[in-house]
Amino acid sequence: MTKKRIKKSFYQQSTPLNDYKQEAACSNDTPIHFTGDLTFDLGQIQQGIGHNSDVNFREFHLGGTGIRSVIIFVDGLADKELIDKHIMSSLMNNISAKYDAMQPIENNSILTDYITNHVLSISQVEKVSTFKEVQIEVLKGSTALLINGSTEAIKLGTAKEKARSIEEPISEPLVRGPRVGFTEILSDNTALLRSNSKNEDLSVEKFTVGKRTNKELIIAYYQDIADPELVEEVKKRIKKIDIDDVLESGYVEQLIEDNYLSPFPQVQNTERPDRVNGALLEGRVAILLEGTPFALIVPVTFTMLLQSPEDYYERWLPSTLIRLLRFGAAFISITGPALYISFVSFHPGMIPTALAISIINNREGVPFPALIEALIMEISIEILREAGLRLPKPIGPAIGIVGGLIIGEAAVEAGIISSIFVIVVAITAISSFAIPQYSAGISLRFLRFSAMFFAAVFGLYGLILFFLFLFSHLVKLKSFGVHYLSPIAPYQPKDWKDLLVRAPLFMMKNRPKILSPKNSTRKG
């Protein structure tokens, strides 16, 4: 077949420019397709993204055919070595010699089909037909190939991802367990899930979020376990996300949660692939976003926030004791200062006599009531905690510890607070550090201040009233249709094997009933 015949066939199949103008005039949301005229099509793309200095347009001819072509890529995002060796070299050297073997050209897709199937030695190849698709994919790191006479562009997977090495999760350290955490690269994170679960029923579906940034988001679940209604609800909420950019999975968490007024997190976040896999095997759904190492798990219950993956790696007796200790620490974290305020201000008669005398002696000369005393210390501790997080790692922990000691000792010597309350604040702060989920710890710290105000007004009766309001809210709260306080309310006795007590593994044969899994029995 001669070069002249090839050129003629392609130009005869070109879409008229009038069709493009009519298409563009219909609606701003209507996808605009390529016309087949390279000069016009290239001009449209240059008008869209050509003003960026890092976008490269490389024009050339396909082998010895004389057919004009162009590749478009972003400098720094696309792998230039891959483009040179497997795209440019193939297109400029490997076409003309094989043209004689081609079948007669019948339409304008023949050449793109031939290049896709016989010329390009690259794994990710896909045809696209609209300007918008090309611009988005190029800005993600792909390379676009446009050929004169073809109404389809070829998208080539050349993205060069700058990834950090897989490291141990910083926010969820364990004594015993995998030392592997998610990274900012979405493909690495899905690979970690696959490596931990080589099962064909593990389904991974891709979405795009962020109207301007077009970030990739993935939901993962087991097709034979997860409730289909739960999966559809997750998809529906993700599709409703309408925002310019989703910078981190925290954006997704806030946009899909049930009750934005609740102090409790209704979506669990984690850096640990083993935690995600454990949740998937229960029938939950995981959400992973490009650009963040934090995955999301839905639905979530309150007790999940006080559980750690390490509970299942140790024997059931020590795991149960540690879990009970953790629940006790959560209670102290909320009620420590509130109980002090209640007993000192309203119910000193309930304190043992010797201890009451000691407290009175310590509080002698303190000019503030118990509530102000508590607020001074609690706010100071919260500021120190926040400062320790923001300072550089070598000095952050030291500033937090030294600052707490100095402020506490100076406040006692100055007579601003009593020494016994320093002990109460210290125990409360240490208890809050025992919460395995950072977001749950923030919620409990917020509730601590609410409990303090209730106790300052009504004493122990106020603290009881506070818990009545709290549990009323928890009973009504749901996460993707699942009651937040389950299996306590509604009462599911079979699910109590993994609540306060972590039963032996051979006894935990059923998946949580509250999730309505398609397959309720754990295999094996």
Protein backbone atom coordinates (compact mmCIF):
# COMPACT_ATOMS: atom_id res chain seq x y z
CA MET A 1 0.00 0.00 0.00
CA THR A 2 1.43 3.38 -0.99
CA LYS A 3 1.89 6.37 1.29
CA LYS A 4 -0.37 8.43 -0.97
CA ARG A 5 -3.26 5.99 -0.57
CA ILE A 6 -2.84 5.97 3.22
CA LYS A 7 -2.92 9.76 3.47
CA LYS A 8 -5.91 10.02 1.17
CA SER A 9 -7.91 7.46 3.12
CA PHE A 10 -7.37 9.25 6.42
CA TYR A 11 -8.13 12.74 5.13
CA GLN A 12 -11.32 11.55 3.45
CA GLN A 13 -12.56 10.20 6.78
CA SER A 14 -11.95 13.48 8.70
CA THR A 15 -14.91 14.93 10.58
CA PRO A 16 -15.97 18.36 9.24
CA LEU A 17 -15.28 21.32 11.46
CA ASN A 18 -18.92 22.36 11.25
CA ASP A 19 -19.84 19.23 13.25
CA TYR A 20 -17.48 20.33 16.00
CA LYS A 21 -18.94 23.85 16.09
CA GLN A 22 -22.47 22.48 16.36
CA GLU A 23 -21.34 20.09 19.11
CA ALA A 24 -19.64 22.87 21.08
CA ALA A 25 -22.67 25.13 20.78
CA CYS A 26 -25.00 22.58 22.39
CA SER A 27 -23.81 22.85 25.98
CA ASN A 28 -20.77 23.58 28.06
CA ASP A 29 -21.14 20.14 29.64
CA THR A 30 -21.33 18.27 26.34
CA PRO A 31 -18.12 16.31 25.64
CA ILE A 32 -16.38 17.80 22.59
CA HIS A 33 -14.95 15.17 20.24
CA PHE A 34 -11.91 15.29 17.97
CA THR A 35 -12.50 16.38 14.38
CA GLY A 36 -9.65 14.46 12.72
CA ASP A 37 -7.99 17.70 11.58
CA LEU A 38 -4.73 17.71 13.54
CA THR A 39 -4.15 21.45 13.15
CA PHE A 40 -7.56 22.30 14.54
CA ASP A 41 -7.53 19.62 17.27
CA LEU A 42 -4.06 20.58 18.43
CA GLY A 43 -5.12 24.22 18.55
CA GLN A 44 -8.03 23.36 20.82
CA ILE A 45 -5.79 21.45 23.24
CA GLN A 46 -3.20 24.24 23.23
CA GLN A 47 -5.98 26.68 24.02
CA GLY A 48 -6.94 24.52 27.01
CA ILE A 49 -3.57 23.58 28.53
CA GLY A 50 -0.94 25.04 26.20
CA HIS A 51 -0.45 28.11 28.39
CA ASN A 52 1.37 25.91 30.91
CA SER A 53 5.13 26.02 30.43
CA ASP A 54 5.57 22.44 31.62
CA VAL A 55 3.24 20.97 28.96
CA ASN A 56 5.27 19.73 25.98
CA PHE A 57 3.98 19.30 22.42
CA ARG A 58 6.27 17.19 20.19
CA GLU A 59 5.27 17.09 16.52
CA PHE A 60 6.70 14.46 14.16
CA HIS A 61 5.79 12.20 11.22
CA LEU A 62 4.84 8.54 11.58
CA GLY A 63 7.83 6.65 10.23
CA GLY A 64 8.25 7.31 6.54
CA THR A 65 4.54 7.81 5.86
CA GLY A 66 4.54 11.58 6.15
CA ILE A 67 1.41 11.51 8.36
CA ARG A 68 1.60 14.33 10.92
CA SER A 69 1.35 13.36 14.56
CA VAL A 70 1.99 14.91 17.94
CA ILE A 71 2.55 13.66 21.47
CA ILE A 72 1.58 15.75 24.49
CA PHE A 73 2.99 15.26 27.99
CA VAL A 74 3.81 17.19 31.15
CA ASP A 75 7.45 17.62 32.03
CA GLY A 76 8.17 16.01 35.40
CA LEU A 77 4.97 13.96 35.54
CA ALA A 78 5.65 11.78 32.50
CA ASP A 79 8.60 9.40 32.23
CA LYS A 80 10.74 10.81 29.40
CA GLU A 81 12.87 7.69 29.15
CA LEU A 82 9.77 5.58 28.61
CA ILE A 83 8.49 8.04 26.01
CA ASP A 84 11.78 8.06 24.08
CA LYS A 85 12.43 4.29 24.08
CA HIS A 86 8.95 2.81 23.75
CA ILE A 87 6.85 5.50 22.07
CA MET A 88 8.90 7.87 19.92
CA SER A 89 11.31 5.19 18.75
CA SER A 90 8.49 2.80 17.83
CA LEU A 91 6.39 5.42 16.05
CA MET A 92 9.27 6.85 14.00
CA ASN A 93 11.06 3.61 13.13
CA ASN A 94 8.64 0.68 13.25
CA ILE A 95 5.74 1.72 11.05
CA SER A 96 6.82 2.20 7.44
CA ALA A 97 8.42 -1.23 7.18
CA LYS A 98 5.18 -2.93 8.22
CA TYR A 99 2.69 -0.96 6.15
CA ASP A 100 2.69 -3.50 3.35
CA ALA A 101 1.21 -6.06 5.71
CA MET A 102 -1.74 -3.83 6.63
CA GLN A 103 -5.22 -4.54 5.36
CA PRO A 104 -6.88 -1.91 3.17
CA ILE A 105 -8.00 1.05 5.27
CA GLU A 106 -11.78 1.25 5.56
CA ASN A 107 -12.23 4.00 8.18
CA ASN A 108 -10.25 6.45 10.29
CA SER A 109 -9.75 4.05 13.23
CA ILE A 110 -7.65 1.52 11.31
CA LEU A 111 -4.34 3.31 11.81
CA THR A 112 -4.90 3.92 15.54
CA ASP A 113 -5.87 0.25 15.93
CA TYR A 114 -2.72 -0.82 14.10
CA ILE A 115 -0.48 1.44 16.22
CA THR A 116 -2.17 0.30 19.43
CA ASN A 117 -1.93 -3.42 18.67
CA HIS A 118 1.27 -3.74 16.63
CA VAL A 119 3.59 -0.79 17.18
CA LEU A 120 3.56 0.55 20.74
CA SER A 121 5.48 -1.56 23.25
CA ILE A 122 3.81 -0.11 26.34
CA SER A 123 1.35 -1.79 28.69
CA GLN A 124 -1.22 0.96 29.34
CA VAL A 125 -2.84 2.04 26.07
CA GLU A 126 -6.36 3.41 25.74
CA LYS A 127 -8.33 5.32 23.12
CA VAL A 128 -10.07 8.56 24.02
CA SER A 129 -12.30 10.67 21.83
CA THR A 130 -12.84 13.99 23.66
CA PHE A 131 -10.63 16.98 24.36
CA LYS A 132 -11.55 16.98 28.06
CA GLU A 133 -10.38 13.40 28.56
CA VAL A 134 -7.05 14.12 26.90
CA GLN A 135 -6.41 17.24 28.96
CA ILE A 136 -7.23 15.48 32.24
CA GLU A 137 -5.10 12.43 31.49
CA VAL A 138 -2.12 14.50 30.33
CA LEU A 139 -2.22 16.54 33.54
CA LYS A 140 -2.20 13.26 35.50
CA GLY A 141 1.06 12.19 33.85
CA SER A 142 -0.13 10.23 30.82
CA THR A 143 1.02 10.95 27.28
CA ALA A 144 -1.51 11.67 24.50
CA LEU A 145 -0.86 10.72 20.87
CA LEU A 146 -2.82 12.59 18.18
CA ILE A 147 -2.71 11.47 14.54
CA ASN A 148 -3.88 13.58 11.62
CA GLY A 149 -7.03 12.09 10.17
CA SER A 150 -8.04 10.16 13.28
CA THR A 151 -10.98 11.17 15.45
CA GLU A 152 -9.49 9.30 18.40
CA ALA A 153 -6.44 10.07 20.50
CA ILE A 154 -4.34 7.40 22.17
CA LYS A 155 -3.67 7.72 25.90
CA LEU A 156 -0.39 6.15 26.98
CA GLY A 157 0.37 5.31 30.61
CA THR A 158 3.67 7.08 31.22
CA ALA A 159 3.03 8.59 34.66
CA LYS A 160 6.21 8.76 36.74
CA GLU A 161 5.14 8.41 40.35
CA LYS A 162 7.46 9.78 43.00
CA ALA A 163 6.84 7.43 45.90
CA ARG A 164 8.39 7.19 49.33
CA SER A 165 9.33 3.79 50.65
CA ILE A 166 6.79 1.72 52.57
CA GLU A 167 7.31 2.40 56.27
CA GLU A 168 5.75 1.59 59.61
CA PRO A 169 2.62 3.68 60.32
CA ILE A 170 3.51 6.62 62.55
CA SER A 171 0.03 7.21 63.95
CA GLU A 172 -0.70 3.54 64.80
CA PRO A 173 2.43 1.83 66.17
CA LEU A 174 2.23 -1.75 67.42
CA VAL A 175 4.48 -3.92 69.55
CA ARG A 176 3.49 -7.02 67.61
CA GLY A 177 2.18 -6.87 64.07
CA PRO A 178 3.09 -5.95 60.47
CA ARG A 179 5.49 -3.03 60.03
CA VAL A 180 3.78 -1.89 56.84
CA GLY A 181 1.74 1.23 56.22
CA PHE A 182 -0.01 2.85 53.30
CA THR A 183 1.76 5.50 51.19
CA GLU A 184 0.55 8.46 49.11
CA ILE A 185 0.56 6.39 45.90
CA LEU A 186 -2.84 4.81 45.26
CA SER A 187 -1.51 1.94 43.16
CA ASP A 188 0.90 0.98 45.96
CA ASN A 189 -1.96 0.97 48.46
CA THR A 190 -4.17 -1.27 46.34
CA ALA A 191 -1.18 -3.54 45.82
CA LEU A 192 -0.76 -3.80 49.61
CA LEU A 193 -4.39 -4.86 49.90
CA ARG A 194 -3.96 -7.43 47.15
CA SER A 195 -0.77 -8.81 48.65
CA ASN A 196 -2.57 -9.40 51.95
CA SER A 197 -5.62 -10.95 50.31
CA LYS A 198 -5.09 -12.98 47.16
CA ASN A 199 -8.80 -13.55 46.61
CA GLU A 200 -10.75 -13.03 43.41
CA ASP A 201 -13.78 -11.75 45.36
CA LEU A 202 -11.89 -8.66 46.56
CA SER A 203 -13.43 -5.96 44.37
CA VAL A 204 -11.74 -2.61 43.71
CA GLU A 205 -13.75 0.13 41.96
CA LYS A 206 -12.41 3.50 40.82
CA PHE A 207 -14.07 6.93 41.04
CA THR A 208 -12.95 10.50 40.34
CA VAL A 209 -13.48 13.24 42.94
CA GLY A 210 -12.65 16.95 42.89
CA LYS A 211 -14.17 18.96 40.06
CA ARG A 212 -10.89 20.72 39.27
CA THR A 213 -8.18 18.31 40.41
CA ASN A 214 -9.85 15.03 39.30
CA LYS A 215 -8.25 12.82 41.93
CA GLU A 216 -8.69 9.07 41.86
CA LEU A 217 -10.61 7.40 44.66
CA ILE A 218 -11.06 3.68 45.15
CA ILE A 219 -13.55 1.67 47.17
CA ALA A 220 -12.68 -1.91 48.13
CA TYR A 221 -14.94 -4.65 49.42
CA TYR A 222 -15.56 -8.38 49.18
CA GLN A 223 -18.32 -9.14 46.70
CA ASP A 224 -19.34 -12.33 48.47
CA ILE A 225 -19.36 -10.74 51.97
CA ALA A 226 -20.34 -7.05 51.92
CA ASP A 227 -24.01 -6.09 51.99
CA PRO A 228 -24.91 -4.80 48.47
CA GLU A 229 -27.05 -2.03 49.99
CA LEU A 230 -24.05 -0.80 51.98
CA VAL A 231 -21.85 -0.81 48.87
CA GLU A 232 -24.45 1.14 46.88
CA GLU A 233 -24.85 3.66 49.70
CA VAL A 234 -21.09 4.27 49.75
CA LYS A 235 -21.04 4.75 45.97
CA LYS A 236 -24.00 7.13 46.11
CA ARG A 237 -22.37 9.35 48.74
CA ILE A 238 -19.06 9.44 46.88
CA LYS A 239 -20.78 10.43 43.64
CA LYS A 240 -22.46 13.32 45.48
CA ILE A 241 -19.12 14.88 46.45
CA ASP A 242 -19.15 18.29 44.74
CA ILE A 243 -16.03 20.28 45.59
CA ASP A 244 -13.05 21.74 43.72
CA ASP A 245 -10.42 19.56 45.35
CA VAL A 246 -10.22 16.72 47.84
CA LEU A 247 -6.84 17.36 49.43
CA GLU A 248 -6.94 14.48 51.90
CA SER A 249 -9.22 11.62 52.91
CA GLY A 250 -10.42 13.84 55.77
CA TYR A 251 -12.37 15.81 53.13
CA VAL A 252 -14.11 12.62 52.01
CA GLU A 253 -14.80 11.66 55.62
CA GLN A 254 -16.53 14.97 56.33
CA LEU A 255 -18.53 14.92 53.09
CA ILE A 256 -19.95 11.41 53.49
CA GLU A 257 -20.61 11.20 57.25
CA ASP A 258 -24.17 10.91 58.55
CA ASN A 259 -24.23 13.66 61.19
CA TYR A 260 -21.79 16.55 60.91
CA LEU A 261 -22.91 17.95 64.28
CA SER A 262 -21.82 14.87 66.22
CA PRO A 263 -18.52 15.04 68.13
CA PHE A 264 -17.86 11.38 67.28
CA PRO A 265 -16.12 10.23 64.10
CA GLN A 266 -18.51 8.18 61.96
CA VAL A 267 -15.78 7.03 59.58
CA GLN A 268 -12.64 5.27 60.79
CA ASN A 269 -9.29 6.32 59.33
CA THR A 270 -6.17 4.18 59.39
CA GLU A 271 -2.71 3.84 57.88
CA ARG A 272 -2.60 0.08 58.41
CA PRO A 273 -3.39 -2.37 55.57
CA ASP A 274 -3.95 -5.16 58.11
CA ARG A 275 -6.69 -3.14 59.84
CA VAL A 276 -8.35 -2.49 56.48
CA ASN A 277 -8.20 -6.16 55.49
CA GLY A 278 -9.68 -7.18 58.82
CA ALA A 279 -12.55 -4.74 58.32
CA LEU A 280 -13.17 -5.95 54.75
CA LEU A 281 -13.41 -9.54 55.97
CA GLU A 282 -16.12 -8.47 58.41
CA GLY A 283 -18.19 -7.02 55.55
CA ARG A 284 -17.17 -3.36 55.71
CA VAL A 285 -16.09 -1.10 52.84
CA ALA A 286 -12.72 0.68 52.54
CA ILE A 287 -12.12 4.00 50.77
CA LEU A 288 -8.65 4.92 49.51
CA LEU A 289 -7.76 8.30 48.02
CA GLU A 290 -4.85 9.31 45.84
CA GLY A 291 -2.26 11.43 47.64
CA THR A 292 -2.81 10.30 51.24
CA PRO A 293 -1.71 7.29 53.31
CA PHE A 294 -4.94 7.35 55.36
CA ALA A 295 -7.66 4.93 54.26
CA LEU A 296 -11.26 5.14 55.46
CA ILE A 297 -13.43 2.30 56.78
CA VAL A 298 -17.24 2.36 56.86
CA PRO A 299 -19.45 1.74 58.70
CA VAL A 300 -17.90 2.31 62.11
CA THR A 301 -19.15 1.71 65.66
CA PHE A 302 -18.02 3.36 68.89
CA THR A 303 -16.28 0.24 70.18
CA MET A 304 -14.14 0.02 67.02
CA LEU A 305 -12.45 3.27 68.03
CA LEU A 306 -11.17 1.64 71.22
CA GLN A 307 -9.90 -1.52 69.57
CA SER A 308 -6.43 -2.14 68.17
CA PRO A 309 -5.21 -4.69 65.57
CA GLU A 310 -2.83 -5.93 68.24
CA ASP A 311 -5.83 -7.25 70.18
CA TYR A 312 -6.00 -10.10 67.67
CA TYR A 313 -2.26 -10.79 67.45
CA GLU A 314 -1.88 -11.62 71.14
CA ARG A 315 -3.60 -14.40 73.08
CA TRP A 316 -7.17 -13.69 74.09
CA LEU A 317 -6.61 -13.29 77.86
CA PRO A 318 -3.99 -10.51 77.75
CA SER A 319 -5.84 -8.93 74.82
CA THR A 320 -9.06 -8.84 76.84
CA LEU A 321 -7.35 -7.30 79.87
CA ILE A 322 -5.67 -4.63 77.75
CA ARG A 323 -8.96 -3.86 76.01
CA LEU A 324 -10.76 -3.47 79.35
CA LEU A 325 -7.95 -1.22 80.52
CA ARG A 326 -8.43 0.85 77.37
CA PHE A 327 -12.15 1.28 78.02
CA GLY A 328 -11.35 2.33 81.58
CA ALA A 329 -8.82 4.86 80.30
CA ALA A 330 -11.46 6.31 77.98
CA PHE A 331 -13.84 6.74 80.94
CA ILE A 332 -11.14 8.46 83.01
CA SER A 333 -10.24 10.68 80.05
CA ILE A 334 -13.80 12.03 79.97
CA THR A 335 -14.66 12.16 83.68
CA GLY A 336 -11.38 12.76 85.58
CA PRO A 337 -11.56 16.57 86.07
CA ALA A 338 -15.39 16.48 86.20
CA LEU A 339 -15.36 14.06 89.14
CA TYR A 340 -12.81 16.26 90.95
CA ILE A 341 -15.01 19.33 90.46
CA SER A 342 -18.13 17.46 91.62
CA PHE A 343 -16.60 16.08 94.83
CA VAL A 344 -14.73 19.26 95.80
CA SER A 345 -17.52 21.72 95.04
CA PHE A 346 -20.73 19.77 95.80
CA HIS A 347 -20.09 16.44 97.51
CA PRO A 348 -17.08 16.67 99.86
CA GLY A 349 -18.91 14.41 102.30
CA MET A 350 -18.52 11.49 99.84
CA ILE A 351 -14.72 11.76 100.04
CA PRO A 352 -12.93 9.68 102.75
CA THR A 353 -12.11 11.91 105.72
CA ALA A 354 -8.33 11.65 105.50
CA LEU A 355 -8.36 12.38 101.77
CA ALA A 356 -10.83 15.26 102.23
CA ILE A 357 -8.54 16.86 104.83
CA SER A 358 -5.57 16.46 102.46
CA ILE A 359 -7.49 18.11 99.62
CA ILE A 360 -8.62 20.99 101.85
CA ASN A 361 -5.04 21.59 102.99
CA ASN A 362 -3.81 21.54 99.39
CA ARG A 363 -6.51 23.94 98.22
CA GLU A 364 -5.84 26.40 101.03
CA GLY A 365 -4.87 29.68 99.43
CA VAL A 366 -6.06 28.76 95.91
CA PRO A 367 -8.00 31.85 94.76
CA PHE A 368 -10.10 30.14 92.06
CA PRO A 369 -13.07 27.79 92.22
CA ALA A 370 -12.53 24.21 91.08
CA LEU A 371 -13.89 24.85 87.55
CA ILE A 372 -11.47 27.73 86.84
CA GLU A 373 -8.63 25.70 88.35
CA ALA A 374 -9.51 22.80 86.02
CA LEU A 375 -9.83 25.04 82.96
CA ILE A 376 -6.42 26.63 83.56
CA MET A 377 -4.65 23.28 83.73
CA GLU A 378 -6.63 21.52 80.99
CA ILE A 379 -6.19 24.36 78.50
CA SER A 380 -2.48 24.54 79.33
CA ILE A 381 -2.12 20.79 78.73
CA GLU A 382 -3.98 21.02 75.41
CA ILE A 383 -1.75 23.89 74.26
CA LEU A 384 1.36 21.94 75.22
CA ARG A 385 0.06 18.86 73.40
CA GLU A 386 -0.60 20.87 70.26
CA ALA A 387 2.75 22.62 70.47
CA GLY A 388 4.53 19.27 70.79
CA LEU A 389 2.88 18.09 67.57
CA ARG A 390 3.85 21.20 65.57
CA LEU A 391 7.45 21.48 66.72
CA PRO A 392 10.26 19.56 64.96
CA LYS A 393 10.44 15.91 66.04
CA PRO A 394 13.76 16.14 67.96
CA ILE A 395 12.44 18.81 70.34
CA GLY A 396 8.64 18.30 70.26
CA PRO A 397 8.37 15.53 72.90
CA ALA A 398 10.93 17.20 75.15
CA ILE A 399 9.05 20.51 75.10
CA GLY A 400 5.79 18.75 75.95
CA ILE A 401 7.20 16.87 78.95
CA VAL A 402 9.41 19.67 80.30
CA GLY A 403 6.74 22.31 79.70
CA GLY A 404 4.14 20.26 81.60
CA LEU A 405 6.45 19.72 84.55
CA ILE A 406 7.53 23.35 84.74
CA ILE A 407 4.04 24.80 84.37
CA GLY A 408 2.54 22.39 86.89
CA GLU A 409 5.22 22.99 89.52
CA ALA A 410 5.20 26.75 89.00
CA ALA A 411 1.39 26.91 89.23
CA VAL A 412 1.39 24.96 92.50
CA GLU A 413 4.13 27.13 94.02
CA ALA A 414 2.30 30.27 92.93
CA GLY A 415 -0.86 29.05 94.66
CA ILE A 416 -2.93 29.12 91.45
CA ILE A 417 -3.87 25.45 91.57
CA SER A 418 -3.66 22.66 94.13
CA SER A 419 -1.05 19.93 93.90
CA ILE A 420 -3.65 17.15 94.00
CA PHE A 421 -5.32 18.52 90.89
CA VAL A 422 -1.99 18.30 89.05
CA ILE A 423 -2.16 14.56 89.74
CA VAL A 424 -5.73 14.42 88.39
CA VAL A 425 -4.75 16.25 85.21
CA ALA A 426 -1.71 14.03 84.72
CA ILE A 427 -3.75 10.82 85.07
CA THR A 428 -6.38 12.21 82.69
CA ALA A 429 -3.79 13.16 80.07
CA ILE A 430 -2.05 9.76 80.28
CA SER A 431 -5.42 8.01 79.95
CA SER A 432 -6.20 9.95 76.79
CA PHE A 433 -2.92 8.70 75.26
CA ALA A 434 -4.17 5.12 75.64
CA ILE A 435 -6.86 5.68 72.98
CA PRO A 436 -5.58 3.90 69.82
CA GLN A 437 -7.42 6.24 67.42
CA TYR A 438 -6.22 9.85 67.38
CA SER A 439 -9.56 11.16 66.07
CA ALA A 440 -11.40 9.33 68.87
CA GLY A 441 -9.03 10.87 71.41
CA ILE A 442 -9.91 14.35 70.12
CA SER A 443 -13.61 13.59 70.60
CA LEU A 444 -13.07 12.45 74.18
CA ARG A 445 -11.03 15.57 74.93
CA PHE A 446 -13.89 17.71 73.66
CA LEU A 447 -16.40 15.79 75.79
CA ARG A 448 -14.15 16.23 78.85
CA PHE A 449 -14.74 20.00 78.79
CA SER A 450 -18.51 19.50 78.43
CA ALA A 451 -18.52 17.14 81.41
CA MET A 452 -16.58 19.70 83.45
CA PHE A 453 -19.22 22.39 82.87
CA PHE A 454 -22.08 20.01 83.74
CA ALA A 455 -20.27 19.01 86.94
CA ALA A 456 -19.57 22.66 87.85
CA VAL A 457 -23.29 23.50 87.68
CA PHE A 458 -24.99 20.41 89.15
CA GLY A 459 -22.24 18.27 90.67
CA LEU A 460 -22.62 14.51 90.30
CA TYR A 461 -26.22 15.02 89.18
CA GLY A 462 -24.87 17.14 86.33
CA LEU A 463 -22.38 14.41 85.42
CA ILE A 464 -25.22 11.86 85.33
CA LEU A 465 -27.26 14.27 83.19
CA PHE A 466 -24.27 14.66 80.87
CA PHE A 467 -24.07 10.90 80.34
CA LEU A 468 -27.82 10.69 79.74
CA PHE A 469 -27.51 13.26 76.96
CA LEU A 470 -24.40 11.52 75.63
CA PHE A 471 -25.94 8.06 75.44
CA SER A 472 -29.17 9.44 73.99
CA HIS A 473 -27.11 10.90 71.18
CA LEU A 474 -25.08 7.71 70.70
CA VAL A 475 -28.20 5.55 70.52
CA LYS A 476 -29.64 7.71 67.74
CA LEU A 477 -26.37 8.11 65.84
CA LYS A 478 -25.76 5.90 62.80
CA SER A 479 -22.88 5.27 60.44
CA PHE A 480 -24.08 4.26 56.97
CA GLY A 481 -27.25 2.78 58.43
CA VAL A 482 -25.50 0.88 61.24
CA HIS A 483 -26.26 1.89 64.83
CA TYR A 484 -23.20 3.56 66.32
CA LEU A 485 -23.63 1.93 69.73
CA SER A 486 -24.22 -1.59 68.40
CA PRO A 487 -23.97 -4.37 69.46
CA ILE A 488 -24.89 -2.78 72.81
CA ALA A 489 -27.95 -1.02 71.41
CA PRO A 490 -29.60 -2.64 69.59
CA TYR A 491 -28.59 -5.65 71.64
CA GLN A 492 -26.80 -8.34 69.63
CA PRO A 493 -25.52 -10.96 72.10
CA LYS A 494 -23.57 -12.95 69.49
CA ASP A 495 -21.47 -9.89 68.62
CA TRP A 496 -20.40 -9.42 72.26
CA LYS A 497 -17.62 -11.96 71.67
CA ASP A 498 -15.59 -9.07 70.25
CA LEU A 499 -16.73 -6.18 72.41
CA LEU A 500 -15.32 -5.75 75.92
CA VAL A 501 -13.97 -9.29 75.85
CA ARG A 502 -11.97 -10.57 72.90
CA ALA A 503 -13.02 -14.21 72.75
CA PRO A 504 -10.66 -16.94 71.52
CA LEU A 505 -10.40 -16.96 67.74
CA PHE A 506 -11.97 -20.41 67.33
CA MET A 507 -15.14 -19.10 69.01
CA MET A 508 -15.46 -16.11 66.65
CA LYS A 509 -17.00 -18.08 63.79
CA ASN A 510 -19.55 -15.52 62.65
CA ARG A 511 -19.17 -12.08 61.15
CA PRO A 512 -20.88 -9.13 62.91
CA LYS A 513 -24.63 -9.46 62.45
CA ILE A 514 -25.08 -5.68 62.46
CA LEU A 515 -23.39 -5.49 59.02
CA SER A 516 -25.88 -7.89 57.37
CA PRO A 517 -23.13 -9.73 55.47
CA LYS A 518 -24.06 -11.95 52.52
CA ASN A 519 -21.95 -14.71 54.04
CA SER A 520 -22.23 -14.59 57.82
CA THR A 521 -19.87 -17.49 58.55
CA ARG A 522 -16.10 -17.11 58.51
CA LYS A 523 -14.68 -19.81 56.27
CA GLY A 524 -12.24 -22.26 57.75
